[in-house]
Amino acid sequence: MGRPSTAEVKRRLVHASGSGVPLLYVLGLVTWQTLGYLFVFLSVVVTVLETLRLFGGLDWRIYDELTREYEQQNLAGYALYVYSQTAVALVFDPHVAVPGMLMLTIGDPISGLLGSAPVGELKSVRTLAAMFTVCFALAAPFVIPTSGLVVGSAAAAAGAAGATLADGAKPVIAGYVIDDNVSIPPAACVAIAGTLWLVA
């Protein structure tokens, strides 16, 4: 595996910086409801930016730095990144939603730096194992205190598995690449919530 390019490292650092938004809640700086409003606001902002980029000729240099080739004519990953976190913030309770967000903002860039795969192909076992381990570690502090060691660990493992599956390959449906920026949080949160519901 070759060393990641400078552009790729920049993308991953920007990606990880998004952890600051859910951490506002974790650190007690905003309420969960306020965080939801913030995500809705961010979704509106990125919608305007993407509309201008795709249809209005907006051509900032940063787009060349932070978007990939397959995003040039489609919604960029940063928009999907915001939309997916907004969705889980509005649908799930904090102990479920925050792990899903952090799996995207922290787990995904770590996985990306360890290895990638062509669109439609699966990442290496080593990279998948690292992604699972990181995601489990991110989820455990949120679900174990609220659900107990056994149930919480099972839920954390399920969420980590969901995020790892979403991160492991980018399927192509009707010619459109299903970006893991949109799939990781809901896959993780549905797996966590489903596990907690099944054993409740």
N, C-alpha and C. Protein backbone atom coordinates (compact mmCIF):
# COMPACT_ATOMS: atom_id res chain seq x y z
N MET A 1 0.85 -1.20 0.00
CA MET A 1 0.00 0.00 0.00
C MET A 1 0.88 1.24 0.00
N GLY A 2 0.63 2.15 -0.92
CA GLY A 2 1.43 3.36 -1.01
C GLY A 2 1.02 4.38 0.04
N ARG A 3 1.88 5.38 0.19
CA ARG A 3 1.60 6.45 1.14
C ARG A 3 0.48 7.32 0.59
N PRO A 4 -0.50 7.75 1.43
CA PRO A 4 -1.59 8.61 0.95
C PRO A 4 -1.05 9.93 0.40
N SER A 5 -1.70 10.44 -0.64
CA SER A 5 -1.28 11.70 -1.24
C SER A 5 -1.58 12.85 -0.27
N THR A 6 -0.94 13.99 -0.53
CA THR A 6 -1.17 15.18 0.30
C THR A 6 -2.63 15.59 0.24
N ALA A 7 -3.23 15.54 -0.95
CA ALA A 7 -4.64 15.90 -1.10
C ALA A 7 -5.54 14.98 -0.29
N GLU A 8 -5.18 13.68 -0.27
CA GLU A 8 -5.98 12.73 0.49
C GLU A 8 -5.87 12.99 1.98
N VAL A 9 -4.68 13.30 2.45
CA VAL A 9 -4.50 13.63 3.87
C VAL A 9 -5.30 14.87 4.23
N LYS A 10 -5.30 15.89 3.37
CA LYS A 10 -6.08 17.09 3.62
C LYS A 10 -7.56 16.76 3.73
N ARG A 11 -8.05 15.92 2.80
CA ARG A 11 -9.47 15.53 2.84
C ARG A 11 -9.80 14.85 4.16
N ARG A 12 -8.90 13.97 4.61
CA ARG A 12 -9.16 13.23 5.84
C ARG A 12 -9.12 14.13 7.07
N LEU A 13 -8.24 15.11 7.07
CA LEU A 13 -8.17 16.05 8.19
C LEU A 13 -9.43 16.91 8.25
N VAL A 14 -9.88 17.38 7.10
CA VAL A 14 -11.13 18.14 7.06
C VAL A 14 -12.29 17.27 7.54
N HIS A 15 -12.28 16.02 7.09
CA HIS A 15 -13.30 15.05 7.47
C HIS A 15 -13.35 14.91 9.00
N ALA A 16 -12.18 14.71 9.59
CA ALA A 16 -12.11 14.51 11.04
C ALA A 16 -12.50 15.76 11.82
N SER A 17 -12.27 16.93 11.23
CA SER A 17 -12.60 18.18 11.93
C SER A 17 -14.09 18.31 12.19
N GLY A 18 -14.90 17.58 11.40
CA GLY A 18 -16.34 17.61 11.62
C GLY A 18 -16.76 17.02 12.95
N SER A 19 -15.85 16.33 13.63
CA SER A 19 -16.17 15.79 14.96
C SER A 19 -16.52 16.89 15.94
N GLY A 20 -16.06 18.10 15.65
CA GLY A 20 -16.33 19.22 16.55
C GLY A 20 -17.81 19.51 16.73
N VAL A 21 -18.63 19.17 15.73
CA VAL A 21 -20.06 19.47 15.86
C VAL A 21 -20.74 18.56 16.88
N PRO A 22 -20.69 17.22 16.73
CA PRO A 22 -21.30 16.39 17.78
C PRO A 22 -20.63 16.55 19.15
N LEU A 23 -19.33 16.89 19.15
CA LEU A 23 -18.65 17.08 20.43
C LEU A 23 -19.17 18.29 21.19
N LEU A 24 -19.81 19.22 20.49
CA LEU A 24 -20.46 20.34 21.20
C LEU A 24 -21.48 19.80 22.20
N TYR A 25 -22.21 18.76 21.78
CA TYR A 25 -23.19 18.14 22.68
C TYR A 25 -22.50 17.30 23.75
N VAL A 26 -21.53 16.50 23.33
CA VAL A 26 -20.83 15.61 24.27
C VAL A 26 -20.20 16.41 25.40
N LEU A 27 -19.67 17.56 25.08
CA LEU A 27 -19.00 18.40 26.08
C LEU A 27 -19.98 19.27 26.86
N GLY A 28 -21.27 19.16 26.56
CA GLY A 28 -22.28 19.90 27.30
C GLY A 28 -22.39 21.36 26.90
N LEU A 29 -21.89 21.71 25.73
CA LEU A 29 -21.93 23.12 25.29
C LEU A 29 -23.25 23.49 24.64
N VAL A 30 -23.97 22.50 24.11
CA VAL A 30 -25.29 22.74 23.54
C VAL A 30 -26.20 21.58 23.93
N THR A 31 -27.51 21.80 23.86
CA THR A 31 -28.46 20.72 24.11
C THR A 31 -28.59 19.87 22.85
N TRP A 32 -29.19 18.69 22.99
CA TRP A 32 -29.39 17.84 21.82
C TRP A 32 -30.31 18.51 20.81
N GLN A 33 -31.34 19.19 21.29
CA GLN A 33 -32.25 19.88 20.39
C GLN A 33 -31.52 20.98 19.61
N THR A 34 -30.67 21.72 20.29
CA THR A 34 -29.91 22.77 19.62
C THR A 34 -28.96 22.18 18.58
N LEU A 35 -28.37 21.04 18.90
CA LEU A 35 -27.49 20.39 17.93
C LEU A 35 -28.27 20.00 16.67
N GLY A 36 -29.49 19.52 16.86
CA GLY A 36 -30.33 19.19 15.72
C GLY A 36 -30.60 20.41 14.85
N TYR A 37 -30.90 21.55 15.49
CA TYR A 37 -31.12 22.79 14.74
C TYR A 37 -29.86 23.18 13.98
N LEU A 38 -28.70 23.00 14.62
CA LEU A 38 -27.44 23.34 13.97
C LEU A 38 -27.21 22.49 12.73
N PHE A 39 -27.50 21.20 12.84
CA PHE A 39 -27.34 20.33 11.68
C PHE A 39 -28.31 20.70 10.56
N VAL A 40 -29.53 21.07 10.91
CA VAL A 40 -30.49 21.51 9.88
C VAL A 40 -29.96 22.76 9.18
N PHE A 41 -29.43 23.70 9.95
CA PHE A 41 -28.85 24.92 9.37
C PHE A 41 -27.70 24.57 8.43
N LEU A 42 -26.80 23.68 8.87
CA LEU A 42 -25.68 23.28 8.03
C LEU A 42 -26.16 22.59 6.76
N SER A 43 -27.24 21.82 6.86
CA SER A 43 -27.79 21.16 5.68
C SER A 43 -28.29 22.18 4.67
N VAL A 44 -28.93 23.24 5.16
CA VAL A 44 -29.40 24.30 4.26
C VAL A 44 -28.21 24.97 3.58
N VAL A 45 -27.17 25.26 4.35
CA VAL A 45 -25.98 25.93 3.80
C VAL A 45 -25.34 25.09 2.70
N VAL A 46 -25.13 23.79 2.96
CA VAL A 46 -24.47 22.96 1.95
C VAL A 46 -25.37 22.75 0.74
N THR A 47 -26.68 22.75 0.94
CA THR A 47 -27.59 22.64 -0.19
C THR A 47 -27.45 23.84 -1.12
N VAL A 48 -27.36 25.02 -0.53
CA VAL A 48 -27.17 26.23 -1.33
C VAL A 48 -25.83 26.18 -2.06
N LEU A 49 -24.77 25.79 -1.37
CA LEU A 49 -23.45 25.72 -1.98
C LEU A 49 -23.40 24.70 -3.12
N GLU A 50 -24.00 23.54 -2.90
CA GLU A 50 -23.99 22.52 -3.93
C GLU A 50 -24.86 22.91 -5.13
N THR A 51 -25.96 23.60 -4.89
CA THR A 51 -26.78 24.08 -5.99
C THR A 51 -26.00 25.08 -6.85
N LEU A 52 -25.28 25.97 -6.18
CA LEU A 52 -24.47 26.94 -6.91
C LEU A 52 -23.31 26.26 -7.64
N ARG A 53 -22.71 25.24 -7.01
CA ARG A 53 -21.58 24.54 -7.66
C ARG A 53 -22.03 23.77 -8.89
N LEU A 54 -23.14 23.04 -8.75
CA LEU A 54 -23.58 22.16 -9.82
C LEU A 54 -24.32 22.89 -10.95
N PHE A 55 -25.04 23.95 -10.58
CA PHE A 55 -25.89 24.61 -11.58
C PHE A 55 -25.60 26.10 -11.78
N GLY A 56 -24.83 26.68 -10.87
CA GLY A 56 -24.61 28.11 -10.95
C GLY A 56 -23.20 28.53 -11.30
N GLY A 57 -22.34 27.56 -11.57
CA GLY A 57 -20.99 27.89 -11.99
C GLY A 57 -20.03 28.23 -10.87
N LEU A 58 -20.42 28.00 -9.62
CA LEU A 58 -19.51 28.27 -8.50
C LEU A 58 -18.30 27.34 -8.62
N ASP A 59 -17.11 27.91 -8.65
CA ASP A 59 -15.91 27.11 -8.91
C ASP A 59 -14.78 27.53 -7.97
N TRP A 60 -14.96 27.32 -6.68
CA TRP A 60 -13.92 27.64 -5.73
C TRP A 60 -12.79 26.62 -5.83
N ARG A 61 -11.57 27.10 -5.60
CA ARG A 61 -10.41 26.22 -5.68
C ARG A 61 -10.49 25.08 -4.68
N ILE A 62 -11.11 25.32 -3.53
CA ILE A 62 -11.19 24.29 -2.50
C ILE A 62 -11.94 23.05 -3.00
N TYR A 63 -12.86 23.26 -3.97
CA TYR A 63 -13.57 22.11 -4.52
C TYR A 63 -12.61 21.18 -5.26
N ASP A 64 -11.64 21.76 -5.96
CA ASP A 64 -10.65 20.93 -6.65
C ASP A 64 -9.79 20.15 -5.67
N GLU A 65 -9.56 20.74 -4.50
CA GLU A 65 -8.72 20.10 -3.49
C GLU A 65 -9.44 18.98 -2.74
N LEU A 66 -10.73 19.19 -2.47
CA LEU A 66 -11.42 18.32 -1.52
C LEU A 66 -12.49 17.41 -2.13
N THR A 67 -12.73 17.51 -3.43
CA THR A 67 -13.70 16.62 -4.06
C THR A 67 -13.00 15.65 -5.00
N ARG A 68 -13.60 14.49 -5.16
CA ARG A 68 -13.04 13.47 -6.05
C ARG A 68 -13.68 13.58 -7.43
N GLU A 69 -13.08 12.86 -8.38
CA GLU A 69 -13.53 12.96 -9.78
C GLU A 69 -14.99 12.59 -9.93
N TYR A 70 -15.43 11.50 -9.25
CA TYR A 70 -16.81 11.07 -9.43
C TYR A 70 -17.83 12.01 -8.77
N GLU A 71 -17.34 12.99 -7.98
CA GLU A 71 -18.24 13.95 -7.34
C GLU A 71 -18.44 15.22 -8.18
N GLN A 72 -17.71 15.35 -9.28
CA GLN A 72 -17.75 16.60 -10.03
C GLN A 72 -19.13 16.94 -10.55
N GLN A 73 -19.89 15.93 -10.96
CA GLN A 73 -21.22 16.17 -11.51
C GLN A 73 -22.33 15.67 -10.59
N ASN A 74 -21.98 15.28 -9.38
CA ASN A 74 -22.95 14.80 -8.40
C ASN A 74 -22.76 15.53 -7.09
N LEU A 75 -23.67 15.31 -6.16
CA LEU A 75 -23.51 15.89 -4.83
C LEU A 75 -22.16 15.48 -4.25
N ALA A 76 -21.42 16.44 -3.73
CA ALA A 76 -20.11 16.16 -3.18
C ALA A 76 -20.23 15.46 -1.82
N GLY A 77 -19.15 14.77 -1.46
CA GLY A 77 -19.15 14.02 -0.22
C GLY A 77 -19.41 14.86 1.01
N TYR A 78 -18.96 16.12 1.01
CA TYR A 78 -19.16 16.95 2.21
C TYR A 78 -20.63 17.22 2.47
N ALA A 79 -21.42 17.32 1.38
CA ALA A 79 -22.85 17.54 1.55
C ALA A 79 -23.53 16.29 2.10
N LEU A 80 -23.17 15.13 1.55
CA LEU A 80 -23.71 13.87 2.05
C LEU A 80 -23.33 13.66 3.50
N TYR A 81 -22.13 14.07 3.85
CA TYR A 81 -21.59 14.00 5.21
C TYR A 81 -22.49 14.76 6.18
N VAL A 82 -22.90 15.95 5.79
CA VAL A 82 -23.78 16.77 6.64
C VAL A 82 -25.19 16.20 6.66
N TYR A 83 -25.70 15.81 5.50
CA TYR A 83 -27.07 15.28 5.43
C TYR A 83 -27.24 14.03 6.29
N SER A 84 -26.27 13.11 6.24
CA SER A 84 -26.42 11.87 6.99
C SER A 84 -26.39 12.11 8.49
N GLN A 85 -25.54 13.04 8.93
CA GLN A 85 -25.51 13.36 10.36
C GLN A 85 -26.78 14.09 10.80
N THR A 86 -27.30 14.94 9.94
CA THR A 86 -28.55 15.62 10.24
C THR A 86 -29.67 14.61 10.42
N ALA A 87 -29.72 13.64 9.52
CA ALA A 87 -30.78 12.63 9.58
C ALA A 87 -30.75 11.85 10.89
N VAL A 88 -29.57 11.37 11.29
CA VAL A 88 -29.52 10.57 12.52
C VAL A 88 -29.74 11.44 13.76
N ALA A 89 -29.34 12.72 13.68
CA ALA A 89 -29.58 13.62 14.81
C ALA A 89 -31.07 13.83 15.03
N LEU A 90 -31.84 13.84 13.95
CA LEU A 90 -33.27 14.09 14.05
C LEU A 90 -34.07 12.83 14.37
N VAL A 91 -33.50 11.66 14.06
CA VAL A 91 -34.25 10.41 14.21
C VAL A 91 -33.92 9.66 15.51
N PHE A 92 -32.65 9.66 15.90
CA PHE A 92 -32.21 8.81 17.01
C PHE A 92 -31.87 9.61 18.27
N ASP A 93 -31.90 8.92 19.40
CA ASP A 93 -31.47 9.52 20.66
C ASP A 93 -29.95 9.71 20.65
N PRO A 94 -29.44 10.59 21.51
CA PRO A 94 -28.00 10.89 21.49
C PRO A 94 -27.09 9.69 21.64
N HIS A 95 -27.43 8.75 22.54
CA HIS A 95 -26.52 7.62 22.78
C HIS A 95 -26.42 6.70 21.57
N VAL A 96 -27.36 6.84 20.63
CA VAL A 96 -27.31 6.08 19.38
C VAL A 96 -26.72 6.92 18.25
N ALA A 97 -27.16 8.16 18.16
CA ALA A 97 -26.76 9.02 17.04
C ALA A 97 -25.31 9.47 17.10
N VAL A 98 -24.83 9.85 18.29
CA VAL A 98 -23.46 10.37 18.40
C VAL A 98 -22.43 9.32 17.97
N PRO A 99 -22.55 8.05 18.40
CA PRO A 99 -21.59 7.07 17.89
C PRO A 99 -21.60 6.96 16.37
N GLY A 100 -22.80 6.99 15.77
CA GLY A 100 -22.87 6.92 14.31
C GLY A 100 -22.17 8.10 13.66
N MET A 101 -22.32 9.28 14.24
CA MET A 101 -21.63 10.46 13.71
C MET A 101 -20.12 10.32 13.83
N LEU A 102 -19.65 9.87 14.99
CA LEU A 102 -18.21 9.76 15.22
C LEU A 102 -17.58 8.65 14.38
N MET A 103 -18.35 7.61 14.09
CA MET A 103 -17.84 6.58 13.20
C MET A 103 -17.55 7.16 11.81
N LEU A 104 -18.36 8.13 11.41
CA LEU A 104 -18.13 8.81 10.14
C LEU A 104 -16.97 9.79 10.24
N THR A 105 -16.98 10.62 11.27
CA THR A 105 -15.99 11.70 11.33
C THR A 105 -14.60 11.25 11.75
N ILE A 106 -14.52 10.15 12.51
CA ILE A 106 -13.22 9.66 12.99
C ILE A 106 -12.87 8.31 12.37
N GLY A 107 -13.79 7.37 12.43
CA GLY A 107 -13.51 6.04 11.90
C GLY A 107 -13.23 6.04 10.41
N ASP A 108 -14.04 6.74 9.65
CA ASP A 108 -13.88 6.75 8.20
C ASP A 108 -12.54 7.33 7.74
N PRO A 109 -12.10 8.48 8.27
CA PRO A 109 -10.79 8.97 7.81
C PRO A 109 -9.62 8.08 8.21
N ILE A 110 -9.71 7.44 9.38
CA ILE A 110 -8.66 6.51 9.76
C ILE A 110 -8.61 5.33 8.79
N SER A 111 -9.79 4.79 8.49
CA SER A 111 -9.88 3.70 7.53
C SER A 111 -9.34 4.12 6.17
N GLY A 112 -9.69 5.34 5.75
CA GLY A 112 -9.26 5.82 4.45
C GLY A 112 -7.76 5.97 4.33
N LEU A 113 -7.12 6.36 5.41
CA LEU A 113 -5.66 6.51 5.39
C LEU A 113 -4.97 5.15 5.39
N LEU A 114 -5.63 4.14 5.99
CA LEU A 114 -5.03 2.81 6.03
C LEU A 114 -5.13 2.09 4.70
N GLY A 115 -6.18 2.37 3.95
CA GLY A 115 -6.32 1.70 2.66
C GLY A 115 -7.63 2.05 1.99
N SER A 116 -7.63 1.97 0.68
CA SER A 116 -8.82 2.24 -0.10
C SER A 116 -9.02 1.11 -1.09
N ALA A 117 -10.11 1.19 -1.82
CA ALA A 117 -10.40 0.18 -2.85
C ALA A 117 -11.11 0.87 -4.00
N PRO A 118 -10.95 0.36 -5.21
CA PRO A 118 -11.68 0.93 -6.34
C PRO A 118 -13.19 0.85 -6.10
N VAL A 119 -13.92 1.77 -6.73
CA VAL A 119 -15.37 1.79 -6.59
C VAL A 119 -15.95 0.41 -6.94
N GLY A 120 -16.79 -0.10 -6.04
CA GLY A 120 -17.41 -1.39 -6.26
C GLY A 120 -16.65 -2.57 -5.70
N GLU A 121 -15.41 -2.35 -5.21
CA GLU A 121 -14.62 -3.43 -4.63
C GLU A 121 -14.48 -3.26 -3.12
N LEU A 122 -14.18 -4.37 -2.44
CA LEU A 122 -14.09 -4.38 -0.99
C LEU A 122 -12.69 -3.99 -0.53
N LYS A 123 -12.61 -3.25 0.58
CA LYS A 123 -11.32 -2.92 1.16
C LYS A 123 -10.67 -4.17 1.75
N SER A 124 -9.39 -4.06 2.09
CA SER A 124 -8.66 -5.20 2.63
C SER A 124 -9.18 -5.58 4.02
N VAL A 125 -8.94 -6.82 4.40
CA VAL A 125 -9.36 -7.31 5.72
C VAL A 125 -8.70 -6.48 6.82
N ARG A 126 -7.45 -6.13 6.62
CA ARG A 126 -6.72 -5.33 7.62
C ARG A 126 -7.41 -3.99 7.85
N THR A 127 -7.81 -3.33 6.77
CA THR A 127 -8.47 -2.04 6.89
C THR A 127 -9.85 -2.18 7.52
N LEU A 128 -10.58 -3.22 7.13
CA LEU A 128 -11.90 -3.46 7.70
C LEU A 128 -11.80 -3.75 9.19
N ALA A 129 -10.80 -4.53 9.59
CA ALA A 129 -10.62 -4.85 11.01
C ALA A 129 -10.30 -3.59 11.82
N ALA A 130 -9.48 -2.72 11.25
CA ALA A 130 -9.15 -1.46 11.93
C ALA A 130 -10.39 -0.59 12.07
N MET A 131 -11.18 -0.52 11.01
CA MET A 131 -12.40 0.28 11.05
C MET A 131 -13.35 -0.24 12.13
N PHE A 132 -13.53 -1.55 12.18
CA PHE A 132 -14.41 -2.15 13.19
C PHE A 132 -13.92 -1.83 14.60
N THR A 133 -12.64 -1.98 14.83
CA THR A 133 -12.07 -1.74 16.17
C THR A 133 -12.26 -0.30 16.60
N VAL A 134 -11.95 0.63 15.70
CA VAL A 134 -12.11 2.05 16.03
C VAL A 134 -13.57 2.37 16.31
N CYS A 135 -14.46 1.87 15.48
CA CYS A 135 -15.88 2.18 15.63
C CYS A 135 -16.46 1.58 16.91
N PHE A 136 -16.02 0.37 17.26
CA PHE A 136 -16.47 -0.22 18.52
C PHE A 136 -16.02 0.65 19.69
N ALA A 137 -14.77 1.10 19.65
CA ALA A 137 -14.24 1.94 20.73
C ALA A 137 -14.99 3.27 20.82
N LEU A 138 -15.46 3.79 19.69
CA LEU A 138 -16.23 5.04 19.69
C LEU A 138 -17.63 4.85 20.24
N ALA A 139 -18.23 3.70 19.97
CA ALA A 139 -19.62 3.47 20.38
C ALA A 139 -19.74 3.04 21.84
N ALA A 140 -18.79 2.25 22.31
CA ALA A 140 -18.90 1.66 23.65
C ALA A 140 -19.14 2.68 24.76
N PRO A 141 -18.45 3.82 24.80
CA PRO A 141 -18.68 4.77 25.90
C PRO A 141 -20.08 5.37 25.93
N PHE A 142 -20.81 5.26 24.83
CA PHE A 142 -22.15 5.83 24.78
C PHE A 142 -23.24 4.81 25.07
N VAL A 143 -23.06 3.57 24.60
CA VAL A 143 -24.13 2.58 24.76
C VAL A 143 -23.97 1.69 25.98
N ILE A 144 -22.73 1.45 26.42
CA ILE A 144 -22.56 0.60 27.59
C ILE A 144 -23.10 1.26 28.87
N PRO A 145 -22.83 2.55 29.13
CA PRO A 145 -23.38 3.16 30.34
C PRO A 145 -24.91 3.20 30.38
N THR A 146 -25.55 3.26 29.22
CA THR A 146 -27.01 3.34 29.19
C THR A 146 -27.68 1.97 29.11
N SER A 147 -26.93 0.92 28.72
CA SER A 147 -27.56 -0.38 28.47
C SER A 147 -26.91 -1.54 29.21
N GLY A 148 -25.81 -1.29 29.90
CA GLY A 148 -25.11 -2.37 30.58
C GLY A 148 -24.01 -2.95 29.72
N LEU A 149 -23.11 -3.68 30.36
CA LEU A 149 -21.91 -4.17 29.67
C LEU A 149 -22.24 -5.13 28.53
N VAL A 150 -23.07 -6.13 28.80
CA VAL A 150 -23.33 -7.16 27.79
C VAL A 150 -24.13 -6.60 26.63
N VAL A 151 -25.27 -5.98 26.95
CA VAL A 151 -26.14 -5.44 25.91
C VAL A 151 -25.44 -4.29 25.18
N GLY A 152 -24.79 -3.43 25.96
CA GLY A 152 -24.11 -2.30 25.34
C GLY A 152 -22.98 -2.73 24.43
N SER A 153 -22.24 -3.75 24.84
CA SER A 153 -21.16 -4.26 23.99
C SER A 153 -21.70 -4.86 22.71
N ALA A 154 -22.83 -5.58 22.83
CA ALA A 154 -23.44 -6.16 21.63
C ALA A 154 -23.91 -5.06 20.68
N ALA A 155 -24.51 -4.01 21.24
CA ALA A 155 -24.98 -2.91 20.41
C ALA A 155 -23.82 -2.17 19.76
N ALA A 156 -22.74 -1.95 20.53
CA ALA A 156 -21.56 -1.29 19.98
C ALA A 156 -20.95 -2.11 18.85
N ALA A 157 -20.91 -3.44 19.04
CA ALA A 157 -20.36 -4.32 18.01
C ALA A 157 -21.24 -4.29 16.75
N ALA A 158 -22.55 -4.28 16.96
CA ALA A 158 -23.46 -4.24 15.81
C ALA A 158 -23.29 -2.92 15.05
N GLY A 159 -23.20 -1.82 15.78
CA GLY A 159 -23.01 -0.53 15.13
C GLY A 159 -21.69 -0.47 14.39
N ALA A 160 -20.64 -1.00 15.00
CA ALA A 160 -19.33 -1.02 14.36
C ALA A 160 -19.36 -1.88 13.09
N ALA A 161 -20.08 -3.00 13.15
CA ALA A 161 -20.20 -3.86 11.97
C ALA A 161 -20.96 -3.14 10.85
N GLY A 162 -22.03 -2.42 11.22
CA GLY A 162 -22.77 -1.68 10.21
C GLY A 162 -21.93 -0.61 9.54
N ALA A 163 -21.17 0.13 10.35
CA ALA A 163 -20.30 1.17 9.80
C ALA A 163 -19.19 0.57 8.95
N THR A 164 -18.64 -0.55 9.40
CA THR A 164 -17.57 -1.20 8.65
C THR A 164 -18.06 -1.70 7.30
N LEU A 165 -19.26 -2.26 7.29
CA LEU A 165 -19.85 -2.72 6.03
C LEU A 165 -20.08 -1.55 5.07
N ALA A 166 -20.60 -0.45 5.61
CA ALA A 166 -20.85 0.73 4.78
C ALA A 166 -19.56 1.33 4.25
N ASP A 167 -18.51 1.28 5.08
CA ASP A 167 -17.21 1.83 4.68
C ASP A 167 -16.44 0.91 3.75
N GLY A 168 -16.70 -0.38 3.84
CA GLY A 168 -15.88 -1.36 3.15
C GLY A 168 -15.96 -1.33 1.64
N ALA A 169 -17.09 -0.88 1.10
CA ALA A 169 -17.24 -0.84 -0.35
C ALA A 169 -18.21 0.26 -0.72
N LYS A 170 -17.98 0.86 -1.87
CA LYS A 170 -18.90 1.86 -2.40
C LYS A 170 -19.64 1.24 -3.57
N PRO A 171 -20.85 0.72 -3.35
CA PRO A 171 -21.59 0.12 -4.46
C PRO A 171 -22.05 1.19 -5.46
N VAL A 172 -22.29 0.76 -6.68
CA VAL A 172 -22.78 1.65 -7.73
C VAL A 172 -24.19 1.21 -8.08
N ILE A 173 -25.17 2.10 -7.90
CA ILE A 173 -26.57 1.81 -8.19
C ILE A 173 -27.06 2.79 -9.23
N ALA A 174 -27.51 2.27 -10.34
CA ALA A 174 -28.01 3.10 -11.45
C ALA A 174 -26.97 4.15 -11.87
N GLY A 175 -25.71 3.75 -11.83
CA GLY A 175 -24.64 4.63 -12.25
C GLY A 175 -24.21 5.64 -11.21
N TYR A 176 -24.80 5.59 -10.02
CA TYR A 176 -24.45 6.55 -8.97
C TYR A 176 -23.71 5.83 -7.85
N VAL A 177 -22.58 6.40 -7.45
CA VAL A 177 -21.77 5.81 -6.38
C VAL A 177 -22.41 6.12 -5.03
N ILE A 178 -22.70 5.08 -4.25
CA ILE A 178 -23.26 5.26 -2.91
C ILE A 178 -22.10 5.56 -1.96
N ASP A 179 -21.93 6.81 -1.67
CA ASP A 179 -20.79 7.27 -0.87
C ASP A 179 -20.97 6.87 0.58
N ASP A 180 -19.87 6.46 1.23
CA ASP A 180 -19.96 6.07 2.64
C ASP A 180 -20.25 7.25 3.55
N ASN A 181 -20.08 8.48 3.05
CA ASN A 181 -20.45 9.65 3.85
C ASN A 181 -21.95 9.66 4.16
N VAL A 182 -22.72 9.10 3.27
CA VAL A 182 -24.17 9.07 3.50
C VAL A 182 -24.61 7.77 4.16
N SER A 183 -23.83 6.70 4.02
CA SER A 183 -24.30 5.39 4.50
C SER A 183 -23.80 5.01 5.90
N ILE A 184 -22.64 5.53 6.32
CA ILE A 184 -22.08 5.09 7.61
C ILE A 184 -22.97 5.43 8.80
N PRO A 185 -23.37 6.71 9.01
CA PRO A 185 -24.18 7.00 10.20
C PRO A 185 -25.50 6.24 10.28
N PRO A 186 -26.32 6.20 9.21
CA PRO A 186 -27.57 5.44 9.34
C PRO A 186 -27.34 3.95 9.52
N ALA A 187 -26.34 3.38 8.84
CA ALA A 187 -26.08 1.95 9.00
C ALA A 187 -25.69 1.64 10.44
N ALA A 188 -24.83 2.47 11.01
CA ALA A 188 -24.40 2.26 12.39
C ALA A 188 -25.55 2.45 13.37
N CYS A 189 -26.31 3.52 13.19
CA CYS A 189 -27.39 3.83 14.14
C CYS A 189 -28.52 2.82 14.08
N VAL A 190 -28.89 2.38 12.89
CA VAL A 190 -29.93 1.36 12.77
C VAL A 190 -29.48 0.07 13.44
N ALA A 191 -28.21 -0.28 13.27
CA ALA A 191 -27.70 -1.51 13.90
C ALA A 191 -27.68 -1.39 15.42
N ILE A 192 -27.26 -0.25 15.93
CA ILE A 192 -27.25 -0.04 17.39
C ILE A 192 -28.66 -0.07 17.93
N ALA A 193 -29.55 0.73 17.35
CA ALA A 193 -30.93 0.83 17.84
C ALA A 193 -31.64 -0.52 17.70
N GLY A 194 -31.41 -1.20 16.59
CA GLY A 194 -32.05 -2.50 16.39
C GLY A 194 -31.61 -3.52 17.43
N THR A 195 -30.34 -3.53 17.75
CA THR A 195 -29.82 -4.46 18.76
C THR A 195 -30.40 -4.15 20.14
N LEU A 196 -30.43 -2.86 20.48
CA LEU A 196 -31.01 -2.47 21.78
C LEU A 196 -32.50 -2.83 21.85
N TRP A 197 -33.21 -2.68 20.74
CA TRP A 197 -34.63 -3.01 20.73
C TRP A 197 -34.85 -4.52 20.86
N LEU A 198 -34.03 -5.29 20.17
CA LEU A 198 -34.19 -6.75 20.18
C LEU A 198 -33.97 -7.34 21.57
N VAL A 199 -33.04 -6.76 22.32
CA VAL A 199 -32.71 -7.35 23.62
C VAL A 199 -33.41 -6.63 24.77
N ALA A 200 -34.18 -5.61 24.46
CA ALA A 200 -34.87 -4.86 25.53
C ALA A 200 -35.98 -5.71 26.13
